[in-house]
Amino acid sequence: MRSVAGTELTREQYLEHIKKDYARMIEALDGPTLPVPSCPGWDTNALAHHMGMVYLRQAYVVEHSSPPENDEHLNAISGVTDPMEILKHGFTAITRALDPKREE
């Protein structure tokens, strides 16, 4: 897999980075809702929601080799409103999509 910058990473490497980032996010976001200084107007709930949505969209791209045309990538979280649950669903989706053991 090649990034925009031209860096080539394997699925295993992407998966390793995402797992480490997710662990850091869970640690940082667990607890009271706080402002996110680097994102004016955002709090930790908004950040968790955003990252969950990013993961869901990217999982769709990996699985379908194209971005979603509508919101079909959001079907897995229909009715889910808790930002941490959305983050969890997104993490599950992207790790499943990048799993090197899954059949292509």
C-alpha atoms as a PDB file:
ATOM      1  CA  MET A   1       0.000   0.000   0.000  1.00  0.00           C
ATOM      2  CA  ARG A   2       1.417   3.344  -0.980  1.00  0.00           C
ATOM      3  CA  SER A   3       0.585   6.643   0.701  1.00  0.00           C
ATOM      4  CA  VAL A   4       0.278   9.997  -1.013  1.00  0.00           C
ATOM      5  CA  ALA A   5       3.835  10.744   0.098  1.00  0.00           C
ATOM      6  CA  GLY A   6       5.018   7.570  -1.599  1.00  0.00           C
ATOM      7  CA  THR A   7       5.818   5.652   1.575  1.00  0.00           C
ATOM      8  CA  GLU A   8       5.100   1.990   1.083  1.00  0.00           C
ATOM      9  CA  LEU A   9       3.688   0.098   4.054  1.00  0.00           C
ATOM     10  CA  THR A  10       2.336  -3.420   4.257  1.00  0.00           C
ATOM     11  CA  ARG A  11      -1.124  -4.156   5.616  1.00  0.00           C
ATOM     12  CA  GLU A  12       0.599  -5.509   8.711  1.00  0.00           C
ATOM     13  CA  GLN A  13       2.451  -2.217   9.222  1.00  0.00           C
ATOM     14  CA  TYR A  14      -0.699  -0.133   8.760  1.00  0.00           C
ATOM     15  CA  LEU A  15      -2.511  -2.406  11.190  1.00  0.00           C
ATOM     16  CA  GLU A  16       0.281  -2.088  13.758  1.00  0.00           C
ATOM     17  CA  HIS A  17       0.197   1.734  13.567  1.00  0.00           C
ATOM     18  CA  ILE A  18      -3.590   1.887  13.799  1.00  0.00           C
ATOM     19  CA  LYS A  19      -3.660  -0.419  16.820  1.00  0.00           C
ATOM     20  CA  LYS A  20      -1.071   1.730  18.618  1.00  0.00           C
ATOM     21  CA  ASP A  21      -2.924   4.954  17.758  1.00  0.00           C
ATOM     22  CA  TYR A  22      -6.237   3.482  18.900  1.00  0.00           C
ATOM     23  CA  ALA A  23      -4.738   2.401  22.242  1.00  0.00           C
ATOM     24  CA  ARG A  24      -3.411   5.938  22.745  1.00  0.00           C
ATOM     25  CA  MET A  25      -6.775   7.449  21.839  1.00  0.00           C
ATOM     26  CA  ILE A  26      -8.668   5.210  24.245  1.00  0.00           C
ATOM     27  CA  GLU A  27      -6.249   6.143  27.011  1.00  0.00           C
ATOM     28  CA  ALA A  28      -6.500   9.867  26.225  1.00  0.00           C
ATOM     29  CA  LEU A  29     -10.267   9.947  25.681  1.00  0.00           C
ATOM     30  CA  ASP A  30     -11.276   7.757  28.630  1.00  0.00           C
ATOM     31  CA  GLY A  31     -12.640   9.997  31.322  1.00  0.00           C
ATOM     32  CA  PRO A  32     -14.434  13.305  31.467  1.00  0.00           C
ATOM     33  CA  THR A  33     -15.200  15.240  28.300  1.00  0.00           C
ATOM     34  CA  LEU A  34     -12.521  17.888  27.825  1.00  0.00           C
ATOM     35  CA  PRO A  35     -11.708  20.516  25.188  1.00  0.00           C
ATOM     36  CA  VAL A  36      -9.219  19.551  22.460  1.00  0.00           C
ATOM     37  CA  PRO A  37      -6.815  22.528  22.333  1.00  0.00           C
ATOM     38  CA  SER A  38      -5.484  21.715  18.858  1.00  0.00           C
ATOM     39  CA  CYS A  39      -9.039  21.672  17.432  1.00  0.00           C
ATOM     40  CA  PRO A  40     -10.851  24.854  18.525  1.00  0.00           C
ATOM     41  CA  GLY A  41     -14.496  24.166  19.307  1.00  0.00           C
ATOM     42  CA  TRP A  42     -13.971  20.414  19.623  1.00  0.00           C
ATOM     43  CA  ASP A  43     -14.084  18.293  22.729  1.00  0.00           C
ATOM     44  CA  THR A  44     -12.967  14.727  23.300  1.00  0.00           C
ATOM     45  CA  ASN A  45     -16.394  13.397  22.284  1.00  0.00           C
ATOM     46  CA  ALA A  46     -16.174  15.195  18.929  1.00  0.00           C
ATOM     47  CA  LEU A  47     -12.686  13.781  18.417  1.00  0.00           C
ATOM     48  CA  ALA A  48     -13.807  10.213  19.200  1.00  0.00           C
ATOM     49  CA  HIS A  49     -16.764  10.576  16.821  1.00  0.00           C
ATOM     50  CA  HIS A  50     -14.562  12.013  14.078  1.00  0.00           C
ATOM     51  CA  MET A  51     -11.954   9.268  14.324  1.00  0.00           C
ATOM     52  CA  GLY A  52     -14.631   6.576  14.316  1.00  0.00           C
ATOM     53  CA  MET A  53     -16.050   8.073  11.116  1.00  0.00           C
ATOM     54  CA  VAL A  54     -12.575   8.259   9.543  1.00  0.00           C
ATOM     55  CA  TYR A  55     -11.955   4.609  10.366  1.00  0.00           C
ATOM     56  CA  LEU A  56     -15.340   3.565   8.939  1.00  0.00           C
ATOM     57  CA  ARG A  57     -14.782   5.463   5.705  1.00  0.00           C
ATOM     58  CA  GLN A  58     -11.257   4.147   5.243  1.00  0.00           C
ATOM     59  CA  ALA A  59     -12.387   0.580   5.942  1.00  0.00           C
ATOM     60  CA  TYR A  60     -14.897   0.978   3.127  1.00  0.00           C
ATOM     61  CA  VAL A  61     -12.190   2.296   0.798  1.00  0.00           C
ATOM     62  CA  VAL A  62      -9.894  -0.646   1.604  1.00  0.00           C
ATOM     63  CA  GLU A  63     -12.684  -3.178   1.073  1.00  0.00           C
ATOM     64  CA  HIS A  64     -14.172  -1.631  -2.088  1.00  0.00           C
ATOM     65  CA  SER A  65     -11.169   0.126  -3.656  1.00  0.00           C
ATOM     66  CA  SER A  66     -13.189   3.326  -3.915  1.00  0.00           C
ATOM     67  CA  PRO A  67     -14.766   5.862  -1.571  1.00  0.00           C
ATOM     68  CA  PRO A  68     -18.413   5.459  -0.614  1.00  0.00           C
ATOM     69  CA  GLU A  69     -20.806   7.308  -2.904  1.00  0.00           C
ATOM     70  CA  ASN A  70     -23.384   7.769  -0.170  1.00  0.00           C
ATOM     71  CA  ASP A  71     -23.345   6.862   3.493  1.00  0.00           C
ATOM     72  CA  GLU A  72     -23.294   3.065   3.062  1.00  0.00           C
ATOM     73  CA  HIS A  73     -20.137   2.911   5.181  1.00  0.00           C
ATOM     74  CA  LEU A  74     -22.204   4.117   8.139  1.00  0.00           C
ATOM     75  CA  ASN A  75     -24.659   1.187   8.153  1.00  0.00           C
ATOM     76  CA  ALA A  76     -22.706  -0.534  10.940  1.00  0.00           C
ATOM     77  CA  ILE A  77     -23.385   2.340  13.334  1.00  0.00           C
ATOM     78  CA  SER A  78     -27.048   2.935  12.544  1.00  0.00           C
ATOM     79  CA  GLY A  79     -28.629   4.128  15.785  1.00  0.00           C
ATOM     80  CA  VAL A  80     -25.306   4.378  17.661  1.00  0.00           C
ATOM     81  CA  THR A  81     -24.859   7.808  19.236  1.00  0.00           C
ATOM     82  CA  ASP A  82     -22.135   7.301  21.840  1.00  0.00           C
ATOM     83  CA  PRO A  83     -18.879   8.727  20.409  1.00  0.00           C
ATOM     84  CA  MET A  84     -16.713   6.071  22.060  1.00  0.00           C
ATOM     85  CA  GLU A  85     -18.910   3.315  20.611  1.00  0.00           C
ATOM     86  CA  ILE A  86     -18.605   4.897  17.161  1.00  0.00           C
ATOM     87  CA  LEU A  87     -14.835   4.954  17.610  1.00  0.00           C
ATOM     88  CA  LYS A  88     -14.898   1.290  18.647  1.00  0.00           C
ATOM     89  CA  HIS A  89     -17.027   0.310  15.611  1.00  0.00           C
ATOM     90  CA  GLY A  90     -14.699   2.230  13.314  1.00  0.00           C
ATOM     91  CA  PHE A  91     -11.608   0.619  14.801  1.00  0.00           C
ATOM     92  CA  THR A  92     -13.146  -2.834  14.416  1.00  0.00           C
ATOM     93  CA  ALA A  93     -14.029  -2.095  10.780  1.00  0.00           C
ATOM     94  CA  ILE A  94     -10.592  -0.796   9.775  1.00  0.00           C
ATOM     95  CA  THR A  95      -8.684  -3.571  11.549  1.00  0.00           C
ATOM     96  CA  ARG A  96     -10.911  -6.175   9.909  1.00  0.00           C
ATOM     97  CA  ALA A  97     -10.411  -4.544   6.500  1.00  0.00           C
ATOM     98  CA  LEU A  98      -6.627  -4.460   6.909  1.00  0.00           C
ATOM     99  CA  ASP A  99      -6.322  -7.933   8.409  1.00  0.00           C
ATOM    100  CA  PRO A 100      -3.601  -9.630   6.331  1.00  0.00           C
ATOM    101  CA  LYS A 101      -5.189 -13.028   7.053  1.00  0.00           C
ATOM    102  CA  ARG A 102      -8.537 -12.145   5.533  1.00  0.00           C
ATOM    103  CA  GLU A 103      -9.244 -13.351   2.047  1.00  0.00           C
ATOM    104  CA  GLU A 104      -8.945 -10.772  -0.682  1.00  0.00           C
END
